[in-house]
Amino acid sequence: MKTKVKFAGAAPGKAPKAVEYADIAGQGRVPYGKTAPAPMAGNTPKKVKTRGTGAALKGTMHTGY
């Protein structure tokens, strides 16, 4: 037995077309699907400056990635 769903109103309109970007109001468009390497990616250690906990006074450095 088939039943029909009764709905008060008109049929829904067409769905919006898919786009390849996010349109952020007042900020422009950001493309989807584009990747970039992370700024800290890689396995080469670098000498980086320690921040916080009095490090500004000490001027300490450490090896990090």
PDB file of N, CA and C in Angstrom:
ATOM      1  N   MET A   1       0.839  -1.156   0.000  1.00  0.00           N
ATOM      2  CA  MET A   1       0.000   0.000   0.000  1.00  0.00           C
ATOM      3  C   MET A   1       0.900   1.240   0.000  1.00  0.00           C
ATOM      4  N   LYS A   2       0.711   2.100  -0.981  1.00  0.00           N
ATOM      5  CA  LYS A   2       1.470   3.345  -1.061  1.00  0.00           C
ATOM      6  C   LYS A   2       0.708   4.436  -0.353  1.00  0.00           C
ATOM      7  N   THR A   3       1.457   5.239   0.352  1.00  0.00           N
ATOM      8  CA  THR A   3       0.839   6.383   1.005  1.00  0.00           C
ATOM      9  C   THR A   3       1.473   7.647   0.457  1.00  0.00           C
ATOM     10  N   LYS A   4       0.711   8.680   0.390  1.00  0.00           N
ATOM     11  CA  LYS A   4       1.207   9.958  -0.070  1.00  0.00           C
ATOM     12  C   LYS A   4       1.350  10.880   1.124  1.00  0.00           C
ATOM     13  N   VAL A   5       2.425  11.632   1.105  1.00  0.00           N
ATOM     14  CA  VAL A   5       2.648  12.605   2.157  1.00  0.00           C
ATOM     15  C   VAL A   5       2.018  13.908   1.694  1.00  0.00           C
ATOM     16  N   LYS A   6       1.163  14.430   2.489  1.00  0.00           N
ATOM     17  CA  LYS A   6       0.528  15.698   2.145  1.00  0.00           C
ATOM     18  C   LYS A   6       1.367  16.825   2.732  1.00  0.00           C
ATOM     19  N   PHE A   7       1.629  17.826   1.912  1.00  0.00           N
ATOM     20  CA  PHE A   7       2.451  18.951   2.330  1.00  0.00           C
ATOM     21  C   PHE A   7       1.765  20.226   1.903  1.00  0.00           C
ATOM     22  N   ALA A   8       1.590  21.115   2.833  1.00  0.00           N
ATOM     23  CA  ALA A   8       0.937  22.383   2.521  1.00  0.00           C
ATOM     24  C   ALA A   8       1.975  23.327   1.940  1.00  0.00           C
ATOM     25  N   GLY A   9       1.901  23.596   0.656  1.00  0.00           N
ATOM     26  CA  GLY A   9       2.846  24.509   0.029  1.00  0.00           C
ATOM     27  C   GLY A   9       3.221  24.026  -1.355  1.00  0.00           C
ATOM     28  N   ALA A  10       4.104  24.764  -1.987  1.00  0.00           N
ATOM     29  CA  ALA A  10       4.536  24.430  -3.339  1.00  0.00           C
ATOM     30  C   ALA A  10       5.714  23.467  -3.298  1.00  0.00           C
ATOM     31  N   ALA A  11       6.000  22.891  -4.432  1.00  0.00           N
ATOM     32  CA  ALA A  11       7.153  21.999  -4.539  1.00  0.00           C
ATOM     33  C   ALA A  11       8.432  22.813  -4.357  1.00  0.00           C
ATOM     34  N   PRO A  12       9.474  22.197  -3.800  1.00  0.00           N
ATOM     35  CA  PRO A  12      10.714  22.945  -3.601  1.00  0.00           C
ATOM     36  C   PRO A  12      11.344  23.343  -4.929  1.00  0.00           C
ATOM     37  N   GLY A  13      12.087  24.446  -4.907  1.00  0.00           N
ATOM     38  CA  GLY A  13      12.757  24.923  -6.109  1.00  0.00           C
ATOM     39  C   GLY A  13      14.019  24.119  -6.396  1.00  0.00           C
ATOM     40  N   LYS A  14      14.695  24.499  -7.454  1.00  0.00           N
ATOM     41  CA  LYS A  14      15.924  23.800  -7.812  1.00  0.00           C
ATOM     42  C   LYS A  14      17.022  24.121  -6.805  1.00  0.00           C
ATOM     43  N   ALA A  15      17.888  23.158  -6.581  1.00  0.00           N
ATOM     44  CA  ALA A  15      19.011  23.341  -5.661  1.00  0.00           C
ATOM     45  C   ALA A  15      20.066  24.233  -6.313  1.00  0.00           C
ATOM     46  N   PRO A  16      20.837  24.976  -5.521  1.00  0.00           N
ATOM     47  CA  PRO A  16      21.879  25.814  -6.107  1.00  0.00           C
ATOM     48  C   PRO A  16      22.996  24.961  -6.715  1.00  0.00           C
ATOM     49  N   LYS A  17      23.652  25.484  -7.736  1.00  0.00           N
ATOM     50  CA  LYS A  17      24.740  24.753  -8.386  1.00  0.00           C
ATOM     51  C   LYS A  17      25.967  24.744  -7.484  1.00  0.00           C
ATOM     52  N   ALA A  18      26.746  23.683  -7.592  1.00  0.00           N
ATOM     53  CA  ALA A  18      27.981  23.568  -6.824  1.00  0.00           C
ATOM     54  C   ALA A  18      29.022  24.533  -7.370  1.00  0.00           C
ATOM     55  N   VAL A  19      29.772  25.150  -6.467  1.00  0.00           N
ATOM     56  CA  VAL A  19      30.834  26.068  -6.859  1.00  0.00           C
ATOM     57  C   VAL A  19      32.154  25.566  -6.284  1.00  0.00           C
ATOM     58  N   GLU A  20      33.262  26.040  -6.836  1.00  0.00           N
ATOM     59  CA  GLU A  20      34.584  25.576  -6.403  1.00  0.00           C
ATOM     60  C   GLU A  20      35.242  26.554  -5.439  1.00  0.00           C
ATOM     61  N   TYR A  21      34.450  27.379  -4.778  1.00  0.00           N
ATOM     62  CA  TYR A  21      35.011  28.353  -3.846  1.00  0.00           C
ATOM     63  C   TYR A  21      34.002  28.657  -2.742  1.00  0.00           C
ATOM     64  N   ALA A  22      34.512  29.151  -1.634  1.00  0.00           N
ATOM     65  CA  ALA A  22      33.663  29.649  -0.557  1.00  0.00           C
ATOM     66  C   ALA A  22      33.642  31.158  -0.674  1.00  0.00           C
ATOM     67  N   ASP A  23      32.463  31.727  -0.725  1.00  0.00           N
ATOM     68  CA  ASP A  23      32.331  33.172  -0.847  1.00  0.00           C
ATOM     69  C   ASP A  23      32.045  33.735   0.540  1.00  0.00           C
ATOM     70  N   ILE A  24      33.057  34.333   1.150  1.00  0.00           N
ATOM     71  CA  ILE A  24      32.928  34.879   2.496  1.00  0.00           C
ATOM     72  C   ILE A  24      32.568  36.353   2.366  1.00  0.00           C
ATOM     73  N   ALA A  25      31.442  36.725   2.951  1.00  0.00           N
ATOM     74  CA  ALA A  25      30.933  38.091   2.814  1.00  0.00           C
ATOM     75  C   ALA A  25      31.950  39.112   3.306  1.00  0.00           C
ATOM     76  N   GLY A  26      32.290  40.055   2.446  1.00  0.00           N
ATOM     77  CA  GLY A  26      33.196  41.127   2.802  1.00  0.00           C
ATOM     78  C   GLY A  26      34.667  40.744   2.798  1.00  0.00           C
ATOM     79  N   GLN A  27      34.990  39.452   2.536  1.00  0.00           N
ATOM     80  CA  GLN A  27      36.381  39.019   2.594  1.00  0.00           C
ATOM     81  C   GLN A  27      36.866  38.393   1.295  1.00  0.00           C
ATOM     82  N   GLY A  28      35.966  38.076   0.388  1.00  0.00           N
ATOM     83  CA  GLY A  28      36.376  37.511  -0.889  1.00  0.00           C
ATOM     84  C   GLY A  28      36.109  36.022  -0.982  1.00  0.00           C
ATOM     85  N   ARG A  29      36.747  35.404  -1.953  1.00  0.00           N
ATOM     86  CA  ARG A  29      36.541  33.979  -2.222  1.00  0.00           C
ATOM     87  C   ARG A  29      37.757  33.164  -1.805  1.00  0.00           C
ATOM     88  N   VAL A  30      37.492  31.961  -1.298  1.00  0.00           N
ATOM     89  CA  VAL A  30      38.537  31.025  -0.921  1.00  0.00           C
ATOM     90  C   VAL A  30      38.305  29.756  -1.730  1.00  0.00           C
ATOM     91  N   PRO A  31      39.279  29.323  -2.557  1.00  0.00           N
ATOM     92  CA  PRO A  31      39.067  28.127  -3.376  1.00  0.00           C
ATOM     93  C   PRO A  31      39.060  26.854  -2.537  1.00  0.00           C
ATOM     94  N   TYR A  32      38.217  25.905  -2.947  1.00  0.00           N
ATOM     95  CA  TYR A  32      38.186  24.584  -2.319  1.00  0.00           C
ATOM     96  C   TYR A  32      39.172  23.678  -3.034  1.00  0.00           C
ATOM     97  N   GLY A  33      39.637  22.649  -2.358  1.00  0.00           N
ATOM     98  CA  GLY A  33      40.414  21.594  -2.990  1.00  0.00           C
ATOM     99  C   GLY A  33      41.866  21.912  -3.259  1.00  0.00           C
ATOM    100  N   LYS A  34      42.360  23.056  -2.859  1.00  0.00           N
ATOM    101  CA  LYS A  34      43.760  23.363  -3.066  1.00  0.00           C
ATOM    102  C   LYS A  34      44.487  23.126  -1.750  1.00  0.00           C
ATOM    103  N   THR A  35      45.590  22.423  -1.828  1.00  0.00           N
ATOM    104  CA  THR A  35      46.349  22.130  -0.626  1.00  0.00           C
ATOM    105  C   THR A  35      47.709  22.802  -0.690  1.00  0.00           C
ATOM    106  N   ALA A  36      48.260  23.027   0.446  1.00  0.00           N
ATOM    107  CA  ALA A  36      49.593  23.611   0.548  1.00  0.00           C
ATOM    108  C   ALA A  36      50.307  22.911   1.697  1.00  0.00           C
ATOM    109  N   PRO A  37      51.608  22.814   1.619  1.00  0.00           N
ATOM    110  CA  PRO A  37      52.323  22.188   2.728  1.00  0.00           C
ATOM    111  C   PRO A  37      52.197  23.026   3.997  1.00  0.00           C
ATOM    112  N   ALA A  38      52.132  22.348   5.110  1.00  0.00           N
ATOM    113  CA  ALA A  38      52.034  23.055   6.381  1.00  0.00           C
ATOM    114  C   ALA A  38      53.329  23.826   6.624  1.00  0.00           C
ATOM    115  N   PRO A  39      53.247  24.998   7.237  1.00  0.00           N
ATOM    116  CA  PRO A  39      54.457  25.791   7.423  1.00  0.00           C
ATOM    117  C   PRO A  39      55.504  25.109   8.299  1.00  0.00           C
ATOM    118  N   MET A  40      55.085  24.201   9.159  1.00  0.00           N
ATOM    119  CA  MET A  40      56.039  23.515  10.032  1.00  0.00           C
ATOM    120  C   MET A  40      56.358  22.116   9.522  1.00  0.00           C
ATOM    121  N   ALA A  41      55.880  21.745   8.335  1.00  0.00           N
ATOM    122  CA  ALA A  41      56.087  20.395   7.823  1.00  0.00           C
ATOM    123  C   ALA A  41      57.544  20.175   7.445  1.00  0.00           C
ATOM    124  N   GLY A  42      57.924  18.947   7.451  1.00  0.00           N
ATOM    125  CA  GLY A  42      59.286  18.596   7.086  1.00  0.00           C
ATOM    126  C   GLY A  42      59.969  17.908   8.248  1.00  0.00           C
ATOM    127  N   ASN A  43      61.063  17.273   7.953  1.00  0.00           N
ATOM    128  CA  ASN A  43      61.781  16.573   9.009  1.00  0.00           C
ATOM    129  C   ASN A  43      63.176  17.153   9.200  1.00  0.00           C
ATOM    130  N   THR A  44      63.375  18.398   8.821  1.00  0.00           N
ATOM    131  CA  THR A  44      64.652  19.060   9.003  1.00  0.00           C
ATOM    132  C   THR A  44      64.583  19.923  10.262  1.00  0.00           C
ATOM    133  N   PRO A  45      65.368  19.589  11.268  1.00  0.00           N
ATOM    134  CA  PRO A  45      65.343  20.419  12.479  1.00  0.00           C
ATOM    135  C   PRO A  45      65.869  21.824  12.197  1.00  0.00           C
ATOM    136  N   LYS A  46      65.283  22.798  12.839  1.00  0.00           N
ATOM    137  CA  LYS A  46      65.691  24.185  12.684  1.00  0.00           C
ATOM    138  C   LYS A  46      65.926  24.770  14.063  1.00  0.00           C
ATOM    139  N   LYS A  47      66.706  25.820  14.110  1.00  0.00           N
ATOM    140  CA  LYS A  47      66.927  26.517  15.363  1.00  0.00           C
ATOM    141  C   LYS A  47      65.818  27.554  15.504  1.00  0.00           C
ATOM    142  N   VAL A  48      65.007  27.407  16.556  1.00  0.00           N
ATOM    143  CA  VAL A  48      63.876  28.297  16.758  1.00  0.00           C
ATOM    144  C   VAL A  48      64.012  28.999  18.105  1.00  0.00           C
ATOM    145  N   LYS A  49      63.404  30.159  18.216  1.00  0.00           N
ATOM    146  CA  LYS A  49      63.485  30.940  19.445  1.00  0.00           C
ATOM    147  C   LYS A  49      62.407  30.491  20.414  1.00  0.00           C
ATOM    148  N   THR A  50      62.794  30.285  21.663  1.00  0.00           N
ATOM    149  CA  THR A  50      61.856  29.921  22.713  1.00  0.00           C
ATOM    150  C   THR A  50      61.110  31.172  23.151  1.00  0.00           C
ATOM    151  N   ARG A  51      59.792  31.040  23.299  1.00  0.00           N
ATOM    152  CA  ARG A  51      58.981  32.196  23.667  1.00  0.00           C
ATOM    153  C   ARG A  51      58.287  31.938  24.995  1.00  0.00           C
ATOM    154  N   GLY A  52      58.105  32.963  25.749  1.00  0.00           N
ATOM    155  CA  GLY A  52      57.394  32.859  27.010  1.00  0.00           C
ATOM    156  C   GLY A  52      58.283  32.433  28.158  1.00  0.00           C
ATOM    157  N   THR A  53      57.752  32.440  29.350  1.00  0.00           N
ATOM    158  CA  THR A  53      58.417  32.018  30.580  1.00  0.00           C
ATOM    159  C   THR A  53      59.785  32.667  30.744  1.00  0.00           C
ATOM    160  N   GLY A  54      59.839  33.944  30.542  1.00  0.00           N
ATOM    161  CA  GLY A  54      61.087  34.670  30.746  1.00  0.00           C
ATOM    162  C   GLY A  54      62.106  34.485  29.648  1.00  0.00           C
ATOM    163  N   ALA A  55      61.725  33.831  28.549  1.00  0.00           N
ATOM    164  CA  ALA A  55      62.663  33.573  27.468  1.00  0.00           C
ATOM    165  C   ALA A  55      63.117  34.868  26.801  1.00  0.00           C
ATOM    166  N   ALA A  56      62.295  35.901  26.869  1.00  0.00           N
ATOM    167  CA  ALA A  56      62.671  37.180  26.291  1.00  0.00           C
ATOM    168  C   ALA A  56      63.877  37.748  27.030  1.00  0.00           C
ATOM    169  N   LEU A  57      63.946  37.510  28.301  1.00  0.00           N
ATOM    170  CA  LEU A  57      65.086  37.982  29.084  1.00  0.00           C
ATOM    171  C   LEU A  57      66.311  37.093  28.879  1.00  0.00           C
ATOM    172  N   LYS A  58      66.077  35.792  28.738  1.00  0.00           N
ATOM    173  CA  LYS A  58      67.175  34.837  28.608  1.00  0.00           C
ATOM    174  C   LYS A  58      67.698  34.763  27.163  1.00  0.00           C
ATOM    175  N   GLY A  59      66.829  34.976  26.186  1.00  0.00           N
ATOM    176  CA  GLY A  59      67.239  34.872  24.795  1.00  0.00           C
ATOM    177  C   GLY A  59      67.572  33.437  24.407  1.00  0.00           C
ATOM    178  N   THR A  60      66.820  32.484  24.891  1.00  0.00           N
ATOM    179  CA  THR A  60      67.143  31.076  24.654  1.00  0.00           C
ATOM    180  C   THR A  60      66.668  30.625  23.273  1.00  0.00           C
ATOM    181  N   MET A  61      67.356  29.645  22.751  1.00  0.00           N
ATOM    182  CA  MET A  61      67.018  29.000  21.479  1.00  0.00           C
ATOM    183  C   MET A  61      66.975  27.501  21.714  1.00  0.00           C
ATOM    184  N   HIS A  62      66.224  26.795  20.859  1.00  0.00           N
ATOM    185  CA  HIS A  62      66.211  25.335  20.920  1.00  0.00           C
ATOM    186  C   HIS A  62      66.013  24.786  19.500  1.00  0.00           C
ATOM    187  N   THR A  63      66.250  23.493  19.352  1.00  0.00           N
ATOM    188  CA  THR A  63      66.062  22.828  18.072  1.00  0.00           C
ATOM    189  C   THR A  63      64.638  22.317  17.991  1.00  0.00           C
ATOM    190  N   GLY A  64      63.958  22.646  16.896  1.00  0.00           N
ATOM    191  CA  GLY A  64      62.582  22.219  16.722  1.00  0.00           C
ATOM    192  C   GLY A  64      62.298  21.920  15.270  1.00  0.00           C
ATOM    193  N   TYR A  65      61.063  21.556  15.001  1.00  0.00           N
ATOM    194  CA  TYR A  65      60.671  21.221  13.638  1.00  0.00           C
ATOM    195  C   TYR A  65      59.722  22.254  13.102  1.00  0.00           C
TER     196      TYR A  65
END
